[in-house]
Every structure is written in C-alpha cells, then in structure tokens.
Amino acid sequence: MTELGVEAEVTALLGGMNAMGGYQLSLVCTDQGLLVASAGETLRSEVAAGLTSLFDDIVVRAVRDLGVADVDELTLSDAKVGRFVVRPLHTEGSDRRLFLVVQVPRDASWRRNTNIVARKLVKILKPLLEGSEDPSAAVTAAATAKKKRTTKS
C-alpha cells in the first residue's frame, strides 16, 4: 500500500473514532512531531503534533530514569478544554515511536476507543515501518507529503 493509501486509511479510522467518541480531533504523529494523519481541525492538529515531541522526551526519561517499562498513556488535562490524550503506538523493531493524540471533551470517556484504534493503527503502520531500511522513513515520507499538501491548501 502506498503512503497516500495508508494516510487515507488512518484518517478514516481517526474520523470514525472522533464520531463515535465525540472527539474534536485526533491524529497520528512521529516522535519528532511530524503529522502523519489527522481528523479534525488541521491547524490545531499540527500544533498538537509539535507538542507531542515533548511527550516523547517524557516517555524516554520515564523508561530510562524511573524504570517504567511500558508507558501506555500521557494526559494533559484542562478544566475547560478537556484532555489531550497521548498514546505511544508500540511498533516492535522500530527505534522510532509514533503517537496517537486525541482531544477528549470534559466528561467523555476515551480508553476503550483509543485502545481499539491504537491496535488497528499499529497493524496498518507496522508493514511500512518494517519494510524500510530506516524504520521511520516511510512514515516520515507520509508526514512530509501531508505537510506539503496542507501547505498548498
């Protein structure tokens, strides 16, 4: 499957999760904050992707300094906005981390929806990550292509 086919599949999956959970936006990004795919407000998705690179540093430090073996979720909460839930997507055999980020309204649940979608995302993205000499090259190519398309619009 091409990078564009994967992006469309991931975007559809994110859009379906947003509709089911009443979420305003969701996205998948790299550990460097590059947006791979998103559903919802584009500008806010790009900002959230950029901030996620900071969460990657937290994950790395938690594993290294605290001995936390498998970080499942980080959450940024605000009484008015709700939550930004950041879920690392575990892709074995890759040094790069991908993240699922979801903006969850106050008083809305997210665990079941993000668990299901995270598993599906790993299945969709795993062949791209494994099929490359540089594990992140295919995902970075998809993210760069998305950024170019968004910039032209």
C-alpha atoms as a PDB file:
ATOM      1  CA  MET A   1       0.000   0.000   0.000  1.00  0.00           C
ATOM      2  CA  THR A   2       1.298   3.489  -0.809  1.00  0.00           C
ATOM      3  CA  GLU A   3       1.888   6.199   1.781  1.00  0.00           C
ATOM      4  CA  LEU A   4      -1.203   8.033   0.496  1.00  0.00           C
ATOM      5  CA  GLY A   5      -3.318   4.871   0.854  1.00  0.00           C
ATOM      6  CA  VAL A   6      -2.094   4.414   4.409  1.00  0.00           C
ATOM      7  CA  GLU A   7      -2.776   8.065   5.219  1.00  0.00           C
ATOM      8  CA  ALA A   8      -6.331   7.762   3.872  1.00  0.00           C
ATOM      9  CA  GLU A   9      -6.928   4.576   5.860  1.00  0.00           C
ATOM     10  CA  VAL A  10      -5.539   6.106   9.066  1.00  0.00           C
ATOM     11  CA  THR A  11      -7.517   9.333   8.530  1.00  0.00           C
ATOM     12  CA  ALA A  12     -10.742   7.357   8.057  1.00  0.00           C
ATOM     13  CA  LEU A  13     -10.032   5.356  11.213  1.00  0.00           C
ATOM     14  CA  LEU A  14      -9.399   8.554  13.197  1.00  0.00           C
ATOM     15  CA  GLY A  15     -12.536  10.200  11.794  1.00  0.00           C
ATOM     16  CA  GLY A  16     -14.631   7.194  12.800  1.00  0.00           C
ATOM     17  CA  MET A  17     -13.220   7.295  16.325  1.00  0.00           C
ATOM     18  CA  ASN A  18     -13.935  11.034  16.551  1.00  0.00           C
ATOM     19  CA  ALA A  19     -17.541  10.467  15.500  1.00  0.00           C
ATOM     20  CA  MET A  20     -18.018   7.593  17.970  1.00  0.00           C
ATOM     21  CA  GLY A  21     -16.459   9.368  20.931  1.00  0.00           C
ATOM     22  CA  GLY A  22     -17.473  12.941  20.156  1.00  0.00           C
ATOM     23  CA  TYR A  23     -13.805  13.968  19.951  1.00  0.00           C
ATOM     24  CA  GLN A  24     -12.832  17.238  18.303  1.00  0.00           C
ATOM     25  CA  LEU A  25      -9.607  15.991  16.792  1.00  0.00           C
ATOM     26  CA  SER A  26      -7.304  13.034  16.655  1.00  0.00           C
ATOM     27  CA  LEU A  27      -4.003  12.483  14.940  1.00  0.00           C
ATOM     28  CA  VAL A  28      -1.025  10.226  14.488  1.00  0.00           C
ATOM     29  CA  CYS A  29       2.406  11.802  14.556  1.00  0.00           C
ATOM     30  CA  THR A  30       6.056  10.839  14.815  1.00  0.00           C
ATOM     31  CA  ASP A  31       8.244  11.264  17.875  1.00  0.00           C
ATOM     32  CA  GLN A  32       9.656  14.365  16.167  1.00  0.00           C
ATOM     33  CA  GLY A  33       6.227  15.981  15.952  1.00  0.00           C
ATOM     34  CA  LEU A  34       5.593  15.355  12.251  1.00  0.00           C
ATOM     35  CA  LEU A  35       1.920  14.906  11.469  1.00  0.00           C
ATOM     36  CA  VAL A  36       1.241  11.593   9.699  1.00  0.00           C
ATOM     37  CA  ALA A  37      -2.571  11.772   9.524  1.00  0.00           C
ATOM     38  CA  SER A  38      -5.323  13.669  11.284  1.00  0.00           C
ATOM     39  CA  ALA A  39      -9.063  14.063  11.552  1.00  0.00           C
ATOM     40  CA  GLY A  40     -10.485  17.310  12.866  1.00  0.00           C
ATOM     41  CA  GLU A  41      -9.124  20.827  12.922  1.00  0.00           C
ATOM     42  CA  THR A  42      -5.946  20.911  10.809  1.00  0.00           C
ATOM     43  CA  LEU A  43      -4.121  23.828  12.438  1.00  0.00           C
ATOM     44  CA  ARG A  44      -4.760  22.538  15.949  1.00  0.00           C
ATOM     45  CA  SER A  45      -3.612  19.065  14.817  1.00  0.00           C
ATOM     46  CA  GLU A  46      -0.286  20.472  13.645  1.00  0.00           C
ATOM     47  CA  VAL A  47       0.235  22.259  16.970  1.00  0.00           C
ATOM     48  CA  ALA A  48      -0.675  19.111  18.924  1.00  0.00           C
ATOM     49  CA  ALA A  49       1.737  17.061  16.796  1.00  0.00           C
ATOM     50  CA  GLY A  50       4.544  19.507  17.534  1.00  0.00           C
ATOM     51  CA  LEU A  51       3.866  19.379  21.266  1.00  0.00           C
ATOM     52  CA  THR A  52       3.864  15.591  21.166  1.00  0.00           C
ATOM     53  CA  SER A  53       7.612  15.584  20.571  1.00  0.00           C
ATOM     54  CA  LEU A  54       7.887  16.875  24.154  1.00  0.00           C
ATOM     55  CA  PHE A  55       5.836  13.889  25.319  1.00  0.00           C
ATOM     56  CA  ASP A  56       8.318  11.615  23.556  1.00  0.00           C
ATOM     57  CA  ASP A  57      11.054  13.059  25.767  1.00  0.00           C
ATOM     58  CA  ILE A  58       8.914  12.310  28.830  1.00  0.00           C
ATOM     59  CA  VAL A  59       8.410   8.713  27.681  1.00  0.00           C
ATOM     60  CA  VAL A  60      12.145   8.254  27.093  1.00  0.00           C
ATOM     61  CA  ARG A  61      13.020   9.700  30.502  1.00  0.00           C
ATOM     62  CA  ALA A  62      10.321   7.687  32.311  1.00  0.00           C
ATOM     63  CA  VAL A  63      11.710   4.476  30.856  1.00  0.00           C
ATOM     64  CA  ARG A  64      15.344   5.429  31.446  1.00  0.00           C
ATOM     65  CA  ASP A  65      15.150   7.236  34.800  1.00  0.00           C
ATOM     66  CA  LEU A  66      12.129   5.712  36.511  1.00  0.00           C
ATOM     67  CA  GLY A  67      12.282   2.191  35.118  1.00  0.00           C
ATOM     68  CA  VAL A  68       8.750   2.436  33.728  1.00  0.00           C
ATOM     69  CA  ALA A  69       8.776  -0.443  31.281  1.00  0.00           C
ATOM     70  CA  ASP A  70       5.835   0.355  29.025  1.00  0.00           C
ATOM     71  CA  VAL A  71       4.282   3.827  29.050  1.00  0.00           C
ATOM     72  CA  ASP A  72       0.690   3.398  27.908  1.00  0.00           C
ATOM     73  CA  GLU A  73      -0.673   6.932  28.065  1.00  0.00           C
ATOM     74  CA  LEU A  74       0.090  10.524  28.965  1.00  0.00           C
ATOM     75  CA  THR A  75      -2.699  13.029  29.521  1.00  0.00           C
ATOM     76  CA  LEU A  76      -2.751  16.801  29.534  1.00  0.00           C
ATOM     77  CA  SER A  77      -5.905  17.982  31.321  1.00  0.00           C
ATOM     78  CA  ASP A  78      -7.659  21.345  31.424  1.00  0.00           C
ATOM     79  CA  ALA A  79     -10.932  22.044  33.236  1.00  0.00           C
ATOM     80  CA  LYS A  80     -12.376  23.972  30.273  1.00  0.00           C
ATOM     81  CA  VAL A  81     -10.835  22.337  27.198  1.00  0.00           C
ATOM     82  CA  GLY A  82     -10.883  18.747  28.394  1.00  0.00           C
ATOM     83  CA  ARG A  83      -7.972  16.398  27.785  1.00  0.00           C
ATOM     84  CA  PHE A  84      -5.293  15.742  25.250  1.00  0.00           C
ATOM     85  CA  VAL A  85      -4.616  12.030  25.492  1.00  0.00           C
ATOM     86  CA  VAL A  86      -1.255  10.945  24.087  1.00  0.00           C
ATOM     87  CA  ARG A  87      -0.860   7.216  23.458  1.00  0.00           C
ATOM     88  CA  PRO A  88       2.503   5.854  22.269  1.00  0.00           C
ATOM     89  CA  LEU A  89       1.980   3.331  19.473  1.00  0.00           C
ATOM     90  CA  HIS A  90       4.306   0.431  20.129  1.00  0.00           C
ATOM     91  CA  THR A  91       5.869  -0.773  16.911  1.00  0.00           C
ATOM     92  CA  GLU A  92       8.316  -3.593  17.577  1.00  0.00           C
ATOM     93  CA  GLY A  93      11.526  -3.493  15.603  1.00  0.00           C
ATOM     94  CA  SER A  94      11.467   0.273  15.233  1.00  0.00           C
ATOM     95  CA  ASP A  95      13.546   2.772  17.181  1.00  0.00           C
ATOM     96  CA  ARG A  96      11.026   5.475  16.333  1.00  0.00           C
ATOM     97  CA  ARG A  97       7.863   5.990  18.284  1.00  0.00           C
ATOM     98  CA  LEU A  98       4.541   7.017  16.813  1.00  0.00           C
ATOM     99  CA  PHE A  99       1.796   8.619  18.867  1.00  0.00           C
ATOM    100  CA  LEU A 100      -1.974   8.666  18.775  1.00  0.00           C
ATOM    101  CA  VAL A 101      -3.215  12.005  20.128  1.00  0.00           C
ATOM    102  CA  VAL A 102      -6.897  12.632  20.858  1.00  0.00           C
ATOM    103  CA  GLN A 103      -8.608  15.756  22.146  1.00  0.00           C
ATOM    104  CA  VAL A 104     -11.273  14.455  24.519  1.00  0.00           C
ATOM    105  CA  PRO A 105     -14.050  16.758  25.780  1.00  0.00           C
ATOM    106  CA  ARG A 106     -14.656  17.063  29.508  1.00  0.00           C
ATOM    107  CA  ASP A 107     -16.578  14.144  30.992  1.00  0.00           C
ATOM    108  CA  ALA A 108     -16.103  11.975  27.888  1.00  0.00           C
ATOM    109  CA  SER A 109     -14.521   8.518  28.007  1.00  0.00           C
ATOM    110  CA  TRP A 110     -11.639   7.517  25.742  1.00  0.00           C
ATOM    111  CA  ARG A 111      -9.856   4.369  26.950  1.00  0.00           C
ATOM    112  CA  ARG A 112     -11.878   1.786  25.027  1.00  0.00           C
ATOM    113  CA  ASN A 113     -11.928   3.812  21.808  1.00  0.00           C
ATOM    114  CA  THR A 114      -8.228   4.651  21.899  1.00  0.00           C
ATOM    115  CA  ASN A 115      -7.295   1.052  22.784  1.00  0.00           C
ATOM    116  CA  ILE A 116      -9.172  -0.280  19.770  1.00  0.00           C
ATOM    117  CA  VAL A 117      -7.849   2.368  17.404  1.00  0.00           C
ATOM    118  CA  ALA A 118      -4.267   2.085  18.698  1.00  0.00           C
ATOM    119  CA  ARG A 119      -4.247  -1.664  17.941  1.00  0.00           C
ATOM    120  CA  LYS A 120      -5.631  -1.053  14.448  1.00  0.00           C
ATOM    121  CA  LEU A 121      -3.123   1.723  13.792  1.00  0.00           C
ATOM    122  CA  VAL A 122      -0.191  -0.484  14.728  1.00  0.00           C
ATOM    123  CA  LYS A 123      -1.419  -3.149  12.277  1.00  0.00           C
ATOM    124  CA  ILE A 124      -1.804  -0.582   9.496  1.00  0.00           C
ATOM    125  CA  LEU A 125       1.533   1.170  10.093  1.00  0.00           C
ATOM    126  CA  LYS A 126       3.693  -1.831  11.025  1.00  0.00           C
ATOM    127  CA  PRO A 127       4.335  -3.011   7.428  1.00  0.00           C
ATOM    128  CA  LEU A 128       5.550   0.456   6.454  1.00  0.00           C
ATOM    129  CA  LEU A 129       7.865   0.643   9.420  1.00  0.00           C
ATOM    130  CA  GLU A 130       9.247  -2.861   8.911  1.00  0.00           C
ATOM    131  CA  GLY A 131       9.627  -2.569   5.145  1.00  0.00           C
ATOM    132  CA  SER A 132      12.137   0.238   5.325  1.00  0.00           C
ATOM    133  CA  GLU A 133      15.864   0.233   5.970  1.00  0.00           C
ATOM    134  CA  ASP A 134      15.287   3.309   8.141  1.00  0.00           C
ATOM    135  CA  PRO A 135      12.211   2.320  10.150  1.00  0.00           C
ATOM    136  CA  SER A 136      10.807   5.828  10.145  1.00  0.00           C
ATOM    137  CA  ALA A 137      11.498   6.661   6.503  1.00  0.00           C
ATOM    138  CA  ALA A 138       8.083   5.609   5.181  1.00  0.00           C
ATOM    139  CA  VAL A 139       6.208   7.331   7.984  1.00  0.00           C
ATOM    140  CA  THR A 140       8.332  10.460   7.656  1.00  0.00           C
ATOM    141  CA  ALA A 141       7.701  10.446   3.887  1.00  0.00           C
ATOM    142  CA  ALA A 142       3.957  10.239   4.513  1.00  0.00           C
ATOM    143  CA  ALA A 143       4.162  13.042   7.088  1.00  0.00           C
ATOM    144  CA  THR A 144       6.186  15.243   4.736  1.00  0.00           C
ATOM    145  CA  ALA A 145       3.759  14.605   1.867  1.00  0.00           C
ATOM    146  CA  LYS A 146       0.843  15.518   4.137  1.00  0.00           C
ATOM    147  CA  LYS A 147       2.573  18.727   5.234  1.00  0.00           C
ATOM    148  CA  LYS A 148       3.176  19.733   1.600  1.00  0.00           C
ATOM    149  CA  ARG A 149      -0.471  19.095   0.696  1.00  0.00           C
ATOM    150  CA  THR A 150      -1.688  21.054   3.732  1.00  0.00           C
ATOM    151  CA  THR A 151       0.624  23.974   2.962  1.00  0.00           C
ATOM    152  CA  LYS A 152      -0.658  24.223  -0.631  1.00  0.00           C
ATOM    153  CA  SER A 153      -4.286  24.445   0.517  1.00  0.00           C
END
